[in-house]
Amino acid sequence: MTSAQASGGAVVKAPPYRLDRLGVVMQPLPGEDSEAEGVLNPACARGRDGELYLFPRLVAKGNFSRVGRARVTFDNESKPIGVERLGVVLEPDQAWEQNAITAGVEDPRITFVESLDVYVMAYSAYGPLGPRIGLAVSKDLEEWERLGPTSFDYEPSLKTDLNLYPNKDAMVFPEPVPGPDGKPAYAMLHRPMWDLSWMSKMGGQSMPAGVSDPRQSIWVSFAPVAAVRADLRALVRLGGHRQVAQPEHPWEATKIGGGTPPVRIPEGWLILYHGVTSGADPHPGAQVSVRYSAGAMVLDPEDVSRVLLRTQVALLEPGREERDGIVPDVVFPTAIDMSEDGGAAVYYGIADSRIGADRLTRTPYTFASPVVA
């Protein structure tokens, strides 16, 4: 039994939320070279001034990606309606963020970690070995200092080294949680990838011991609180790796991955995540036979590798709004701004081209599928 499975085979409830579209809040500026291939998949954070800032992935020609910064603007009813661009905060200027074809710092997620008094950005660095995770920190959301690429401790029980695999979709919890040894730890969700074609060329796929499903899934790793408080760079040295969740439902049959950073709700830690299907055209004239949808899950606050609640049916699926773009039929949530009423605004990539906003609201509980032991 993996840590994504619950004991007893009990029927679990779906997270009590729904998503409703609010509209597009950011799209490429005509004639702006740095946005020629899209603005998408942003992080967000509330500044110390109370303003909400987006950190979009800005894609120039040749899939060259930077992380920008923009202030969100609202109408009189607090609905996000646009942005004020404020420049670029991260360029792919490190060797491990570059490759022979292009370079990229991509798909950031930002968490304010109160106990460290810093904002932590987790992002994908498109380097010489494919994507891997980088961490950077900031006090003010303007100046960012890289802590470096993440390094995963060797775990004998897995019989493999997670550093050998590309990795994406990382996000940090905003406060310490119990680690595998019961001691407080800072935790990071991530998505290692071992279903790659080059593995087949080398004679087959090599996956961690105990993992039989090659589809990409959500994992968690930990950095001890004591080590991080002694040296902030210990945040990039992670151990205690556990699988959290793998594909279960038809709308996520190809793979799943993390979306928005964890936020605390009464039931546990809420994340929105993406699920992917492929192999069939989702609508006539589709350019790419792939479809990204979004769901939600809630993780146990006493063991964040354990799923308590999970949607059976996607909360957000591609519609007409998402059919026009670099990659059609994609909704990709990456940022969440909680409100006092228990709801939130969620920001997501639309067709790898522009950024939309959704309203997340609480609803009555509904039963979902069993998490089978």
Protein backbone atom coordinates (compact mmCIF):
# COMPACT_ATOMS: atom_id res chain seq x y z
CA MET A 1 0.00 0.00 0.00
CA THR A 2 1.43 3.41 -0.94
CA SER A 3 1.00 6.48 1.23
CA ALA A 4 -1.58 7.71 -1.28
CA GLN A 5 -3.92 4.99 -0.06
CA ALA A 6 -6.02 5.04 3.07
CA SER A 7 -6.62 2.09 5.32
CA GLY A 8 -10.01 0.45 5.67
CA GLY A 9 -11.32 1.20 2.17
CA ALA A 10 -13.70 3.81 3.60
CA VAL A 11 -15.69 6.05 1.29
CA VAL A 12 -14.28 9.57 1.50
CA LYS A 13 -15.99 12.86 0.84
CA ALA A 14 -15.05 15.31 -1.87
CA PRO A 15 -13.57 18.65 -0.78
CA PRO A 16 -16.47 21.11 -0.22
CA TYR A 17 -15.65 23.53 -3.04
CA ARG A 18 -16.65 24.62 -6.51
CA LEU A 19 -14.87 26.74 -9.12
CA ASP A 20 -16.53 29.40 -11.29
CA ARG A 21 -14.80 31.40 -14.01
CA LEU A 22 -14.26 35.14 -13.49
CA GLY A 23 -12.51 35.88 -16.79
CA VAL A 24 -9.09 36.63 -18.28
CA VAL A 25 -6.83 38.87 -16.18
CA MET A 26 -3.60 38.85 -18.21
CA GLN A 27 -2.66 38.10 -21.80
CA PRO A 28 0.37 38.82 -24.00
CA LEU A 29 0.96 42.41 -25.01
CA PRO A 30 1.00 42.79 -28.80
CA GLY A 31 4.52 43.47 -30.00
CA GLU A 32 6.13 42.53 -26.65
CA ASP A 33 8.92 40.08 -27.56
CA SER A 34 9.25 38.68 -24.03
CA GLU A 35 5.58 37.55 -24.18
CA ALA A 36 5.48 36.38 -27.79
CA GLU A 37 4.64 32.77 -26.84
CA GLY A 38 2.36 33.45 -23.92
CA VAL A 39 1.88 34.62 -20.32
CA LEU A 40 0.74 31.72 -18.18
CA ASN A 41 0.89 29.59 -15.01
CA PRO A 42 1.49 32.35 -12.42
CA ALA A 43 2.32 32.33 -8.76
CA CYS A 44 0.63 34.88 -6.52
CA ALA A 45 1.32 36.42 -3.13
CA ARG A 46 0.02 39.20 -0.92
CA GLY A 47 2.76 41.77 -0.38
CA ARG A 48 3.49 43.37 2.96
CA ASP A 49 1.59 46.36 1.54
CA GLY A 50 -1.57 44.24 1.26
CA GLU A 51 -1.57 44.29 -2.53
CA LEU A 52 -1.92 41.09 -4.55
CA TYR A 53 0.90 40.34 -6.98
CA LEU A 54 1.02 37.82 -9.80
CA PHE A 55 4.28 36.21 -10.94
CA PRO A 56 3.53 34.93 -14.45
CA ARG A 57 5.69 32.79 -16.64
CA LEU A 58 6.60 35.03 -19.59
CA VAL A 59 7.51 33.06 -22.69
CA ALA A 60 9.57 34.62 -25.48
CA LYS A 61 10.18 33.09 -28.90
CA GLY A 62 11.95 29.76 -28.73
CA ASN A 63 10.24 28.79 -25.45
CA PHE A 64 12.55 31.09 -23.47
CA SER A 65 10.84 31.66 -20.12
CA ARG A 66 11.23 34.30 -17.42
CA VAL A 67 9.26 35.02 -14.23
CA GLY A 68 7.56 38.41 -14.25
CA ARG A 69 5.81 40.47 -11.60
CA ALA A 70 2.47 42.30 -11.88
CA ARG A 71 0.03 43.98 -9.49
CA VAL A 72 -3.55 42.68 -9.79
CA THR A 73 -6.26 45.29 -10.32
CA PHE A 74 -9.85 44.84 -9.13
CA ASP A 75 -13.24 46.31 -9.85
CA ASN A 76 -15.57 47.79 -7.21
CA GLU A 77 -16.81 44.31 -6.29
CA SER A 78 -13.27 42.96 -5.68
CA LYS A 79 -13.29 40.96 -8.90
CA PRO A 80 -9.83 40.72 -10.53
CA ILE A 81 -10.00 42.41 -13.92
CA GLY A 82 -6.41 43.06 -15.02
CA VAL A 83 -2.80 43.68 -14.04
CA GLU A 84 -0.18 46.40 -13.89
CA ARG A 85 3.12 45.01 -15.19
CA LEU A 86 6.13 45.60 -12.92
CA GLY A 87 8.97 43.93 -14.80
CA VAL A 88 10.88 40.67 -14.45
CA VAL A 89 12.10 39.16 -11.16
CA LEU A 90 13.88 36.00 -12.36
CA GLU A 91 15.87 35.30 -15.52
CA PRO A 92 17.32 31.91 -16.52
CA ASP A 93 20.90 33.11 -16.09
CA GLN A 94 22.29 30.08 -14.25
CA ALA A 95 23.87 27.14 -16.11
CA TRP A 96 21.41 24.69 -14.55
CA GLU A 97 18.52 26.76 -15.97
CA GLN A 98 19.83 26.57 -19.55
CA ASN A 99 20.18 23.90 -22.22
CA ALA A 100 21.51 23.60 -25.74
CA ILE A 101 18.21 24.71 -27.28
CA THR A 102 16.78 27.35 -24.95
CA ALA A 103 16.51 28.29 -21.26
CA GLY A 104 13.75 28.76 -18.75
CA VAL A 105 12.58 29.53 -15.25
CA GLU A 106 9.01 28.31 -15.36
CA ASP A 107 5.70 27.79 -13.55
CA PRO A 108 6.52 29.41 -10.18
CA ARG A 109 4.56 28.84 -6.98
CA ILE A 110 5.05 31.20 -4.03
CA THR A 111 4.39 30.58 -0.35
CA PHE A 112 4.89 32.99 2.53
CA VAL A 113 6.51 31.02 5.35
CA GLU A 114 5.75 33.06 8.46
CA SER A 115 8.14 31.24 10.80
CA LEU A 116 11.03 32.13 8.46
CA ASP A 117 9.60 35.56 7.53
CA VAL A 118 10.32 34.96 3.83
CA TYR A 119 8.46 34.27 0.63
CA VAL A 120 9.62 31.01 -0.95
CA MET A 121 9.34 30.55 -4.71
CA ALA A 122 9.52 27.02 -6.11
CA TYR A 123 9.97 26.92 -9.88
CA SER A 124 10.98 24.61 -12.72
CA ALA A 125 14.41 25.22 -14.24
CA TYR A 126 14.59 24.01 -17.83
CA GLY A 127 18.22 22.92 -17.80
CA PRO A 128 20.56 20.47 -19.56
CA LEU A 129 18.89 17.37 -18.04
CA GLY A 130 15.32 18.58 -18.48
CA PRO A 131 13.21 20.28 -15.80
CA ARG A 132 14.31 20.28 -12.19
CA ILE A 133 13.18 22.27 -9.17
CA GLY A 134 14.79 25.49 -7.99
CA LEU A 135 14.03 27.51 -4.86
CA ALA A 136 14.41 31.25 -4.35
CA VAL A 137 13.50 33.48 -1.41
CA SER A 138 12.50 37.11 -0.97
CA LYS A 139 11.62 39.51 1.81
CA ASP A 140 9.70 41.96 -0.37
CA LEU A 141 8.59 40.10 -3.54
CA GLU A 142 10.91 42.31 -5.60
CA GLU A 143 14.43 41.03 -4.99
CA TRP A 144 14.88 37.25 -5.10
CA GLU A 145 17.85 35.19 -3.95
CA ARG A 146 18.31 31.69 -5.30
CA LEU A 147 18.89 28.96 -2.75
CA GLY A 148 19.79 26.67 -5.63
CA PRO A 149 18.45 23.48 -7.20
CA THR A 150 16.80 21.00 -4.87
CA SER A 151 18.74 17.91 -3.83
CA PHE A 152 16.93 14.74 -2.77
CA ASP A 153 18.55 12.50 -0.14
CA TYR A 154 19.10 8.90 -1.12
CA GLU A 155 16.45 6.71 0.51
CA PRO A 156 17.57 3.03 0.65
CA SER A 157 13.95 1.84 0.82
CA LEU A 158 13.23 3.34 -2.62
CA LYS A 159 16.31 1.69 -4.19
CA THR A 160 16.78 4.67 -6.48
CA ASP A 161 18.00 8.26 -6.46
CA LEU A 162 15.29 10.86 -7.10
CA ASN A 163 17.97 13.25 -8.39
CA LEU A 164 18.20 11.08 -11.52
CA TYR A 165 14.74 12.11 -12.69
CA PRO A 166 13.26 15.34 -14.08
CA ASN A 167 10.90 17.03 -11.64
CA LYS A 168 8.24 19.76 -11.80
CA ASP A 169 5.18 21.30 -10.12
CA ALA A 170 6.77 21.99 -6.74
CA MET A 171 5.26 24.01 -3.88
CA VAL A 172 6.15 24.55 -0.24
CA PHE A 173 3.83 24.30 2.77
CA PRO A 174 3.47 27.65 4.61
CA GLU A 175 4.28 26.21 8.04
CA PRO A 176 6.08 23.21 9.51
CA VAL A 177 4.29 19.86 9.45
CA PRO A 178 5.14 16.52 11.07
CA GLY A 179 7.89 14.77 9.12
CA PRO A 180 8.12 10.99 8.67
CA ASP A 181 9.98 10.78 12.00
CA GLY A 182 7.31 12.85 13.76
CA LYS A 183 9.59 15.87 14.12
CA PRO A 184 8.60 19.27 12.67
CA ALA A 185 9.71 19.76 9.09
CA TYR A 186 9.22 22.09 6.15
CA ALA A 187 7.59 20.09 3.37
CA MET A 188 7.53 20.39 -0.42
CA LEU A 189 5.13 18.74 -2.85
CA HIS A 190 6.66 17.81 -6.21
CA ARG A 191 6.25 15.55 -9.25
CA PRO A 192 9.18 13.30 -10.24
CA MET A 193 8.92 11.91 -13.77
CA TRP A 194 10.06 8.39 -14.66
CA ASP A 195 7.93 7.53 -17.67
CA LEU A 196 10.39 9.00 -20.15
CA SER A 197 11.30 7.66 -23.59
CA TRP A 198 15.02 7.63 -22.89
CA MET A 199 14.46 5.10 -20.10
CA SER A 200 12.98 2.71 -22.64
CA LYS A 201 16.05 3.16 -24.80
CA MET A 202 18.16 2.13 -21.83
CA GLY A 203 16.30 -1.17 -21.49
CA GLY A 204 13.16 -0.27 -19.58
CA GLN A 205 11.77 2.05 -16.96
CA SER A 206 13.41 2.33 -13.57
CA MET A 207 11.05 3.40 -10.81
CA PRO A 208 11.30 3.52 -7.01
CA ALA A 209 10.80 0.28 -5.14
CA GLY A 210 7.13 -0.29 -4.35
CA VAL A 211 5.90 1.91 -7.20
CA SER A 212 4.35 -0.11 -10.03
CA ASP A 213 2.44 2.64 -11.84
CA PRO A 214 4.70 4.68 -14.17
CA ARG A 215 2.23 7.56 -14.50
CA GLN A 216 3.40 10.85 -13.04
CA SER A 217 2.07 11.46 -9.54
CA ILE A 218 2.38 13.80 -6.55
CA TRP A 219 5.11 13.24 -3.96
CA VAL A 220 6.24 15.03 -0.80
CA SER A 221 9.70 15.50 0.72
CA PHE A 222 10.88 17.17 3.92
CA ALA A 223 13.59 19.42 5.37
CA PRO A 224 14.01 19.37 9.19
CA VAL A 225 12.99 22.62 10.88
CA ALA A 226 16.15 22.76 12.99
CA ALA A 227 18.39 22.50 9.94
CA VAL A 228 16.49 25.17 7.99
CA ARG A 229 16.45 27.64 10.88
CA ALA A 230 20.19 27.17 11.25
CA ASP A 231 20.78 27.68 7.52
CA LEU A 232 18.02 28.71 5.12
CA ARG A 233 19.77 26.86 2.29
CA ALA A 234 18.84 23.59 3.99
CA LEU A 235 15.42 24.10 2.36
CA VAL A 236 16.84 22.64 -0.85
CA ARG A 237 18.13 19.48 0.88
CA LEU A 238 15.14 17.17 1.16
CA GLY A 239 14.50 13.68 2.50
CA GLY A 240 11.76 11.36 3.76
CA HIS A 241 10.20 11.05 0.30
CA ARG A 242 6.63 9.74 0.14
CA GLN A 243 4.12 9.29 -2.65
CA VAL A 244 0.98 11.32 -1.91
CA ALA A 245 -1.41 10.54 -4.76
CA GLN A 246 -1.49 8.95 -8.18
CA PRO A 247 -4.08 8.99 -10.99
CA GLU A 248 -7.43 7.45 -10.04
CA HIS A 249 -10.25 8.88 -12.12
CA PRO A 250 -10.96 9.08 -15.88
CA TRP A 251 -10.30 12.84 -16.08
CA GLU A 252 -6.75 12.30 -14.76
CA ALA A 253 -5.98 8.98 -16.43
CA THR A 254 -2.64 10.00 -17.99
CA LYS A 255 -1.01 11.81 -15.06
CA ILE A 256 -1.56 14.23 -12.20
CA GLY A 257 0.52 17.03 -10.72
CA GLY A 258 0.37 19.75 -8.10
CA GLY A 259 -1.33 23.04 -8.80
CA THR A 260 -1.83 25.64 -6.07
CA PRO A 261 0.30 25.79 -2.90
CA PRO A 262 -1.26 24.18 0.19
CA VAL A 263 -3.61 26.35 2.26
CA ARG A 264 -5.00 25.43 5.66
CA ILE A 265 -8.74 24.84 5.90
CA PRO A 266 -10.67 23.24 8.79
CA GLU A 267 -10.44 19.78 7.21
CA GLY A 268 -6.67 19.84 6.56
CA TRP A 269 -4.38 21.11 3.78
CA LEU A 270 -6.21 22.03 0.57
CA ILE A 271 -4.50 21.88 -2.81
CA LEU A 272 -5.91 22.22 -6.29
CA TYR A 273 -4.16 19.92 -8.74
CA HIS A 274 -4.23 19.14 -12.44
CA GLY A 275 -5.19 15.90 -14.14
CA VAL A 276 -4.39 15.00 -17.74
CA THR A 277 -5.97 12.72 -20.32
CA SER A 278 -4.56 12.05 -23.78
CA GLY A 279 -4.97 9.83 -26.79
CA ALA A 280 -8.26 11.13 -28.17
CA ASP A 281 -9.29 14.47 -29.64
CA PRO A 282 -11.40 16.24 -26.99
CA HIS A 283 -13.32 18.16 -29.66
CA PRO A 284 -13.37 18.41 -33.48
CA GLY A 285 -10.35 20.26 -34.83
CA ALA A 286 -8.21 19.86 -31.71
CA GLN A 287 -4.55 20.48 -32.46
CA VAL A 288 -3.21 18.35 -29.61
CA SER A 289 -4.83 15.23 -28.20
CA VAL A 290 -4.30 16.23 -24.61
CA ARG A 291 -6.68 17.67 -22.05
CA TYR A 292 -5.81 19.31 -18.69
CA SER A 293 -8.49 19.64 -16.02
CA ALA A 294 -8.39 20.65 -12.34
CA GLY A 295 -9.57 19.03 -9.13
CA ALA A 296 -8.98 19.33 -5.39
CA MET A 297 -7.68 17.20 -2.57
CA VAL A 298 -7.22 17.70 1.15
CA LEU A 299 -4.18 16.28 2.96
CA ASP A 300 -4.04 15.10 6.56
CA PRO A 301 -2.41 17.78 8.77
CA GLU A 302 -0.82 15.02 10.89
CA ASP A 303 0.54 13.16 7.83
CA VAL A 304 0.63 15.24 4.66
CA SER A 305 1.35 12.15 2.56
CA ARG A 306 -2.20 10.93 3.34
CA VAL A 307 -5.18 12.10 1.27
CA LEU A 308 -8.34 12.74 3.31
CA LEU A 309 -10.64 14.22 0.66
CA ARG A 310 -10.46 14.12 -3.13
CA THR A 311 -12.69 15.12 -6.02
CA GLN A 312 -13.98 12.34 -8.22
CA VAL A 313 -15.15 14.72 -10.95
CA ALA A 314 -13.05 17.66 -12.11
CA LEU A 315 -13.92 21.05 -10.62
CA LEU A 316 -12.76 22.86 -13.77
CA GLU A 317 -12.53 21.47 -17.29
CA PRO A 318 -11.46 23.11 -20.55
CA GLY A 319 -14.30 24.89 -22.29
CA ARG A 320 -14.66 27.20 -25.25
CA GLU A 321 -12.48 29.79 -23.48
CA GLU A 322 -9.55 27.35 -23.43
CA ARG A 323 -9.63 26.15 -27.05
CA ASP A 324 -7.56 29.00 -28.46
CA GLY A 325 -3.89 29.02 -27.50
CA ILE A 326 -0.43 27.51 -27.75
CA VAL A 327 -1.72 24.22 -26.30
CA PRO A 328 -5.53 24.03 -26.55
CA ASP A 329 -7.71 22.40 -23.91
CA VAL A 330 -5.58 23.29 -20.90
CA VAL A 331 -6.63 24.71 -17.53
CA PHE A 332 -3.67 24.77 -15.15
CA PRO A 333 -4.23 26.29 -11.65
CA THR A 334 -1.06 27.51 -9.95
CA ALA A 335 -2.01 30.36 -7.58
CA ILE A 336 -4.57 30.88 -4.83
CA ASP A 337 -5.53 33.94 -2.77
CA MET A 338 -7.69 33.01 0.21
CA SER A 339 -10.46 35.29 1.49
CA GLU A 340 -11.95 35.69 4.96
CA ASP A 341 -15.17 33.88 3.99
CA GLY A 342 -13.28 30.63 3.37
CA GLY A 343 -13.34 31.02 -0.40
CA ALA A 344 -10.55 32.16 -2.68
CA ALA A 345 -9.56 33.54 -6.05
CA VAL A 346 -7.65 31.00 -8.12
CA TYR A 347 -5.38 32.00 -11.00
CA TYR A 348 -4.67 29.54 -13.78
CA GLY A 349 -3.01 29.14 -17.15
CA ILE A 350 -5.36 29.11 -20.14
CA ALA A 351 -4.18 27.01 -23.10
CA ASP A 352 -0.54 27.83 -22.25
CA SER A 353 -1.24 31.34 -23.55
CA ARG A 354 -2.89 33.65 -21.00
CA ILE A 355 -4.08 33.81 -17.38
CA GLY A 356 -7.60 33.47 -16.06
CA ALA A 357 -9.19 33.77 -12.62
CA ASP A 358 -11.78 31.59 -10.91
CA ARG A 359 -13.83 32.02 -7.76
CA LEU A 360 -13.45 29.10 -5.31
CA THR A 361 -16.43 28.81 -2.97
CA ARG A 362 -17.41 26.34 -0.28
CA THR A 363 -20.33 24.00 -0.94
CA PRO A 364 -22.05 21.21 1.02
CA TYR A 365 -20.14 17.94 1.21
CA THR A 366 -20.72 15.28 -1.44
CA PHE A 367 -19.49 11.72 -1.41
CA ALA A 368 -16.70 10.72 -3.79
CA SER A 369 -15.14 7.41 -4.75
CA PRO A 370 -13.47 5.20 -2.15
CA VAL A 371 -9.78 5.43 -1.44
CA VAL A 372 -9.09 1.72 -1.56
CA ALA A 373 -6.55 -0.02 0.66
